[in-house]
Every structure is written in structure tokens, then in C-alpha cells.
Amino acid sequence: LPNLTETTLLENLKCRFLKHKIYTYAGSILIAINPFKFLPIYNPKYVKMYENHQLGKLEPHIFAIADVAYHTMLKKHVNQCIVISGESGSGKTQSTNFLIHCLT
């Protein structure tokens, strides 16, 4: 976004969500909007697709965050942390499950 304001960010998130793109990057931060429905973007094909890719090379995805954290840990020998926050019912538990699935 050329002019990052709350309004432009929210408008961008809305446009992406209407295209069934629930993930958006804001720098290295992944913003997820709970679609409250199943999306076929969490199968092993997607895990494989996001292996060894830099953030921003593919569409934003929780698997990309997991892969970057994992490979940074291996490369730099430093523990990594992924913080998941949100309102009640926002999908934090489901996102955590997707991360664990990807990392195991």
C-alpha cells in the first residue's frame, strides 16, 4: 500500500477477504481473518508449496510463517516464537492447529 493508514489497511483487508484471501502480510506480520467456513488451503499440497519460500514470494499463508520460523531456527540456531492473538472466536486455536500440523 502506498499510503498506509487504518482506512487503507482495512479497505485492503476487505477487498482480499471478498476474494476469499483470508491472509494478508503487513511486513512480516500475517493478518488472518476468520472466514467461519472451510477453505481447501490446508492440505499437504499447501504445506509442500510453502516449504523453503521467502515471505512475499507466494500468497500470504500461515504455512509460510511456520516454514520461515522453522528454517530460521535451523539456520541461526536461535529459538523462534510465533505470537497468535485475537478476539474470542477469531480462530486462534485453529491457526495454532494449522501451525502444529505444518511443523510436525
N, C-alpha and C. Protein backbone atom coordinates (compact mmCIF):
# COMPACT_ATOMS: atom_id res chain seq x y z
N LEU A 1 0.84 -1.18 0.00
CA LEU A 1 0.00 0.00 0.00
C LEU A 1 0.88 1.24 0.00
N PRO A 2 0.65 2.15 -0.92
CA PRO A 2 1.49 3.34 -0.98
C PRO A 2 1.29 4.28 0.21
N ASN A 3 0.07 4.34 0.73
CA ASN A 3 -0.24 5.23 1.85
C ASN A 3 -0.89 4.38 2.94
N LEU A 4 -0.10 3.95 3.91
CA LEU A 4 -0.60 3.04 4.93
C LEU A 4 -1.29 3.82 6.05
N THR A 5 -2.59 3.70 6.06
CA THR A 5 -3.41 4.27 7.13
C THR A 5 -4.36 3.18 7.59
N GLU A 6 -5.04 3.42 8.68
CA GLU A 6 -6.02 2.43 9.15
C GLU A 6 -7.07 2.19 8.09
N THR A 7 -7.53 3.25 7.44
CA THR A 7 -8.56 3.14 6.41
C THR A 7 -8.09 2.31 5.23
N THR A 8 -6.89 2.60 4.72
CA THR A 8 -6.40 1.86 3.56
C THR A 8 -6.13 0.40 3.91
N LEU A 9 -5.63 0.16 5.12
CA LEU A 9 -5.39 -1.22 5.54
C LEU A 9 -6.70 -2.00 5.62
N LEU A 10 -7.70 -1.42 6.27
CA LEU A 10 -8.99 -2.10 6.39
C LEU A 10 -9.64 -2.32 5.03
N GLU A 11 -9.52 -1.35 4.14
CA GLU A 11 -10.09 -1.50 2.79
C GLU A 11 -9.38 -2.63 2.04
N ASN A 12 -8.06 -2.70 2.18
CA ASN A 12 -7.29 -3.77 1.54
C ASN A 12 -7.69 -5.13 2.10
N LEU A 13 -7.82 -5.23 3.42
CA LEU A 13 -8.24 -6.49 4.04
C LEU A 13 -9.62 -6.90 3.55
N LYS A 14 -10.53 -5.94 3.44
CA LYS A 14 -11.88 -6.23 2.96
C LYS A 14 -11.86 -6.74 1.53
N CYS A 15 -11.10 -6.07 0.66
CA CYS A 15 -11.01 -6.49 -0.75
C CYS A 15 -10.45 -7.91 -0.86
N ARG A 16 -9.40 -8.20 -0.10
CA ARG A 16 -8.81 -9.54 -0.14
C ARG A 16 -9.78 -10.58 0.40
N PHE A 17 -10.47 -10.25 1.48
CA PHE A 17 -11.41 -11.19 2.08
C PHE A 17 -12.54 -11.52 1.11
N LEU A 18 -13.03 -10.52 0.40
CA LEU A 18 -14.11 -10.75 -0.57
C LEU A 18 -13.66 -11.65 -1.72
N LYS A 19 -12.34 -11.75 -1.92
CA LYS A 19 -11.78 -12.65 -2.93
C LYS A 19 -11.35 -13.98 -2.31
N HIS A 20 -11.84 -14.24 -1.08
CA HIS A 20 -11.52 -15.46 -0.32
C HIS A 20 -10.04 -15.57 0.00
N LYS A 21 -9.37 -14.44 0.11
CA LYS A 21 -7.96 -14.40 0.53
C LYS A 21 -7.95 -13.93 1.98
N ILE A 22 -7.92 -14.89 2.90
CA ILE A 22 -8.07 -14.55 4.32
C ILE A 22 -6.77 -14.11 4.97
N TYR A 23 -5.64 -14.31 4.29
CA TYR A 23 -4.35 -13.94 4.84
C TYR A 23 -3.78 -12.74 4.10
N THR A 24 -3.18 -11.82 4.88
CA THR A 24 -2.53 -10.64 4.31
C THR A 24 -1.29 -10.34 5.13
N TYR A 25 -0.21 -9.99 4.46
CA TYR A 25 1.00 -9.57 5.15
C TYR A 25 0.98 -8.07 5.39
N ALA A 26 1.45 -7.68 6.57
CA ALA A 26 1.78 -6.29 6.89
C ALA A 26 3.23 -6.36 7.35
N GLY A 27 4.15 -6.26 6.40
CA GLY A 27 5.56 -6.52 6.69
C GLY A 27 5.72 -8.00 6.94
N SER A 28 6.32 -8.36 8.06
CA SER A 28 6.48 -9.79 8.39
C SER A 28 5.34 -10.30 9.26
N ILE A 29 4.34 -9.47 9.48
CA ILE A 29 3.17 -9.86 10.27
C ILE A 29 2.11 -10.43 9.35
N LEU A 30 1.54 -11.56 9.75
CA LEU A 30 0.46 -12.17 8.99
C LEU A 30 -0.85 -11.82 9.67
N ILE A 31 -1.74 -11.19 8.93
CA ILE A 31 -3.09 -10.89 9.42
C ILE A 31 -4.02 -11.94 8.84
N ALA A 32 -4.79 -12.58 9.71
CA ALA A 32 -5.76 -13.59 9.27
C ALA A 32 -7.16 -13.14 9.65
N ILE A 33 -8.09 -13.31 8.74
CA ILE A 33 -9.49 -13.01 9.02
C ILE A 33 -10.25 -14.33 8.95
N ASN A 34 -10.89 -14.70 10.04
CA ASN A 34 -11.61 -15.96 10.12
C ASN A 34 -12.79 -15.95 9.15
N PRO A 35 -12.81 -16.87 8.17
CA PRO A 35 -13.92 -16.90 7.22
C PRO A 35 -15.15 -17.62 7.76
N PHE A 36 -15.01 -18.29 8.91
CA PHE A 36 -16.09 -19.07 9.52
C PHE A 36 -16.66 -20.10 8.55
N LYS A 37 -15.80 -20.61 7.68
CA LYS A 37 -16.17 -21.71 6.79
C LYS A 37 -14.89 -22.42 6.36
N PHE A 38 -15.04 -23.63 5.85
CA PHE A 38 -13.90 -24.41 5.41
C PHE A 38 -13.34 -23.83 4.11
N LEU A 39 -12.04 -23.70 4.05
CA LEU A 39 -11.35 -23.34 2.81
C LEU A 39 -10.34 -24.44 2.52
N PRO A 40 -10.24 -24.88 1.27
CA PRO A 40 -9.34 -26.00 0.94
C PRO A 40 -7.89 -25.57 0.76
N ILE A 41 -7.35 -24.87 1.76
CA ILE A 41 -5.98 -24.34 1.64
C ILE A 41 -5.08 -24.85 2.76
N TYR A 42 -5.45 -25.99 3.35
CA TYR A 42 -4.67 -26.50 4.47
C TYR A 42 -4.24 -27.95 4.29
N ASN A 43 -4.21 -28.44 3.09
CA ASN A 43 -3.84 -29.83 2.84
C ASN A 43 -2.33 -29.96 2.64
N PRO A 44 -1.82 -31.20 2.59
CA PRO A 44 -0.37 -31.40 2.43
C PRO A 44 0.23 -30.72 1.19
N LYS A 45 -0.56 -30.54 0.15
CA LYS A 45 -0.08 -29.85 -1.05
C LYS A 45 0.36 -28.43 -0.71
N TYR A 46 -0.41 -27.77 0.14
CA TYR A 46 -0.07 -26.40 0.54
C TYR A 46 1.14 -26.37 1.46
N VAL A 47 1.25 -27.35 2.35
CA VAL A 47 2.43 -27.42 3.21
C VAL A 47 3.67 -27.51 2.34
N LYS A 48 3.64 -28.39 1.35
CA LYS A 48 4.78 -28.59 0.44
C LYS A 48 5.05 -27.32 -0.37
N MET A 49 4.00 -26.67 -0.83
CA MET A 49 4.15 -25.48 -1.66
C MET A 49 4.90 -24.36 -0.92
N TYR A 50 4.70 -24.26 0.38
CA TYR A 50 5.30 -23.17 1.15
C TYR A 50 6.66 -23.53 1.75
N GLU A 51 7.15 -24.73 1.50
CA GLU A 51 8.46 -25.11 2.01
C GLU A 51 9.56 -24.31 1.31
N ASN A 52 10.48 -23.77 2.10
CA ASN A 52 11.67 -23.06 1.59
C ASN A 52 11.35 -21.88 0.68
N HIS A 53 10.30 -21.14 1.00
CA HIS A 53 9.97 -19.93 0.24
C HIS A 53 10.09 -18.71 1.14
N GLN A 54 10.57 -17.62 0.58
CA GLN A 54 10.64 -16.36 1.32
C GLN A 54 9.24 -15.77 1.43
N LEU A 55 9.03 -15.03 2.51
CA LEU A 55 7.75 -14.34 2.65
C LEU A 55 7.57 -13.39 1.48
N GLY A 56 6.37 -13.39 0.92
CA GLY A 56 6.06 -12.50 -0.18
C GLY A 56 6.22 -13.11 -1.55
N LYS A 57 6.86 -14.27 -1.65
CA LYS A 57 7.03 -14.92 -2.95
C LYS A 57 5.73 -15.61 -3.39
N LEU A 58 4.98 -16.09 -2.42
CA LEU A 58 3.68 -16.72 -2.67
C LEU A 58 2.61 -15.94 -1.91
N GLU A 59 1.36 -16.28 -2.15
CA GLU A 59 0.27 -15.65 -1.41
C GLU A 59 0.51 -15.82 0.10
N PRO A 60 0.12 -14.86 0.91
CA PRO A 60 0.27 -14.99 2.36
C PRO A 60 -0.44 -16.25 2.87
N HIS A 61 0.18 -16.92 3.83
CA HIS A 61 -0.40 -18.16 4.38
C HIS A 61 0.26 -18.46 5.72
N ILE A 62 -0.48 -19.09 6.60
CA ILE A 62 0.06 -19.48 7.91
C ILE A 62 1.20 -20.48 7.76
N PHE A 63 1.17 -21.30 6.71
CA PHE A 63 2.25 -22.26 6.48
C PHE A 63 3.56 -21.55 6.13
N ALA A 64 3.47 -20.41 5.49
CA ALA A 64 4.68 -19.64 5.17
C ALA A 64 5.35 -19.15 6.45
N ILE A 65 4.55 -18.70 7.40
CA ILE A 65 5.09 -18.23 8.68
C ILE A 65 5.76 -19.39 9.41
N ALA A 66 5.11 -20.55 9.43
CA ALA A 66 5.69 -21.73 10.09
C ALA A 66 7.01 -22.11 9.44
N ASP A 67 7.05 -22.10 8.12
CA ASP A 67 8.26 -22.51 7.41
C ASP A 67 9.41 -21.53 7.65
N VAL A 68 9.12 -20.24 7.64
CA VAL A 68 10.17 -19.25 7.88
C VAL A 68 10.72 -19.39 9.30
N ALA A 69 9.85 -19.57 10.28
CA ALA A 69 10.31 -19.74 11.66
C ALA A 69 11.17 -20.99 11.79
N TYR A 70 10.73 -22.07 11.19
CA TYR A 70 11.47 -23.33 11.27
C TYR A 70 12.86 -23.21 10.64
N HIS A 71 12.92 -22.67 9.43
CA HIS A 71 14.21 -22.57 8.74
C HIS A 71 15.13 -21.52 9.37
N THR A 72 14.57 -20.47 9.95
CA THR A 72 15.39 -19.50 10.67
C THR A 72 16.00 -20.15 11.91
N MET A 73 15.21 -20.97 12.59
CA MET A 73 15.72 -21.69 13.76
C MET A 73 16.88 -22.60 13.36
N LEU A 74 16.73 -23.33 12.27
CA LEU A 74 17.79 -24.24 11.82
C LEU A 74 19.03 -23.48 11.37
N LYS A 75 18.84 -22.40 10.65
CA LYS A 75 19.96 -21.65 10.08
C LYS A 75 20.73 -20.86 11.14
N LYS A 76 20.00 -20.19 12.04
CA LYS A 76 20.65 -19.31 13.01
C LYS A 76 20.85 -19.94 14.38
N HIS A 77 20.31 -21.14 14.57
CA HIS A 77 20.40 -21.83 15.86
C HIS A 77 19.87 -20.96 17.00
N VAL A 78 18.77 -20.29 16.73
CA VAL A 78 18.11 -19.43 17.72
C VAL A 78 16.64 -19.83 17.78
N ASN A 79 16.12 -19.95 19.00
CA ASN A 79 14.70 -20.27 19.16
C ASN A 79 13.84 -19.23 18.47
N GLN A 80 12.70 -19.67 17.96
CA GLN A 80 11.76 -18.79 17.28
C GLN A 80 10.44 -18.81 18.04
N CYS A 81 9.68 -17.76 17.88
CA CYS A 81 8.38 -17.63 18.55
C CYS A 81 7.37 -17.09 17.55
N ILE A 82 6.21 -17.69 17.52
CA ILE A 82 5.10 -17.19 16.70
C ILE A 82 4.01 -16.77 17.66
N VAL A 83 3.63 -15.51 17.63
CA VAL A 83 2.60 -14.98 18.52
C VAL A 83 1.28 -14.96 17.77
N ILE A 84 0.27 -15.56 18.38
CA ILE A 84 -1.07 -15.57 17.80
C ILE A 84 -1.97 -14.83 18.76
N SER A 85 -2.62 -13.78 18.28
CA SER A 85 -3.51 -13.02 19.16
C SER A 85 -4.79 -12.67 18.40
N GLY A 86 -5.82 -12.40 19.15
CA GLY A 86 -7.09 -12.03 18.55
C GLY A 86 -8.22 -12.13 19.56
N GLU A 87 -9.36 -11.68 19.12
CA GLU A 87 -10.56 -11.72 19.95
C GLU A 87 -11.03 -13.16 20.12
N SER A 88 -11.92 -13.38 21.08
CA SER A 88 -12.53 -14.68 21.27
C SER A 88 -13.27 -15.08 20.00
N GLY A 89 -13.04 -16.29 19.52
CA GLY A 89 -13.71 -16.76 18.31
C GLY A 89 -13.05 -16.33 17.02
N SER A 90 -11.88 -15.71 17.11
CA SER A 90 -11.23 -15.20 15.90
C SER A 90 -10.46 -16.27 15.13
N GLY A 91 -10.29 -17.45 15.72
CA GLY A 91 -9.60 -18.53 15.02
C GLY A 91 -8.20 -18.82 15.53
N LYS A 92 -7.88 -18.35 16.73
CA LYS A 92 -6.53 -18.57 17.28
C LYS A 92 -6.21 -20.05 17.44
N THR A 93 -7.15 -20.80 17.99
CA THR A 93 -6.92 -22.23 18.20
C THR A 93 -6.75 -22.94 16.86
N GLN A 94 -7.58 -22.62 15.90
CA GLN A 94 -7.48 -23.24 14.58
C GLN A 94 -6.15 -22.89 13.92
N SER A 95 -5.73 -21.63 14.03
CA SER A 95 -4.44 -21.23 13.47
C SER A 95 -3.29 -21.98 14.13
N THR A 96 -3.37 -22.15 15.45
CA THR A 96 -2.35 -22.91 16.17
C THR A 96 -2.32 -24.35 15.67
N ASN A 97 -3.48 -24.94 15.46
CA ASN A 97 -3.54 -26.31 14.94
C ASN A 97 -2.91 -26.41 13.56
N PHE A 98 -3.14 -25.41 12.70
CA PHE A 98 -2.53 -25.42 11.37
C PHE A 98 -1.02 -25.31 11.47
N LEU A 99 -0.53 -24.47 12.38
CA LEU A 99 0.92 -24.34 12.58
C LEU A 99 1.53 -25.66 13.04
N ILE A 100 0.91 -26.29 14.02
CA ILE A 100 1.42 -27.56 14.53
C ILE A 100 1.40 -28.62 13.44
N HIS A 101 0.33 -28.65 12.66
CA HIS A 101 0.24 -29.61 11.55
C HIS A 101 1.39 -29.41 10.57
N CYS A 102 1.68 -28.17 10.28
CA CYS A 102 2.74 -27.85 9.32
C CYS A 102 4.12 -28.20 9.87
N LEU A 103 4.33 -28.00 11.15
CA LEU A 103 5.65 -28.19 11.75
C LEU A 103 5.94 -29.63 12.17
N THR A 104 4.91 -30.49 12.15
CA THR A 104 5.14 -31.88 12.58
C THR A 104 4.97 -32.86 11.45
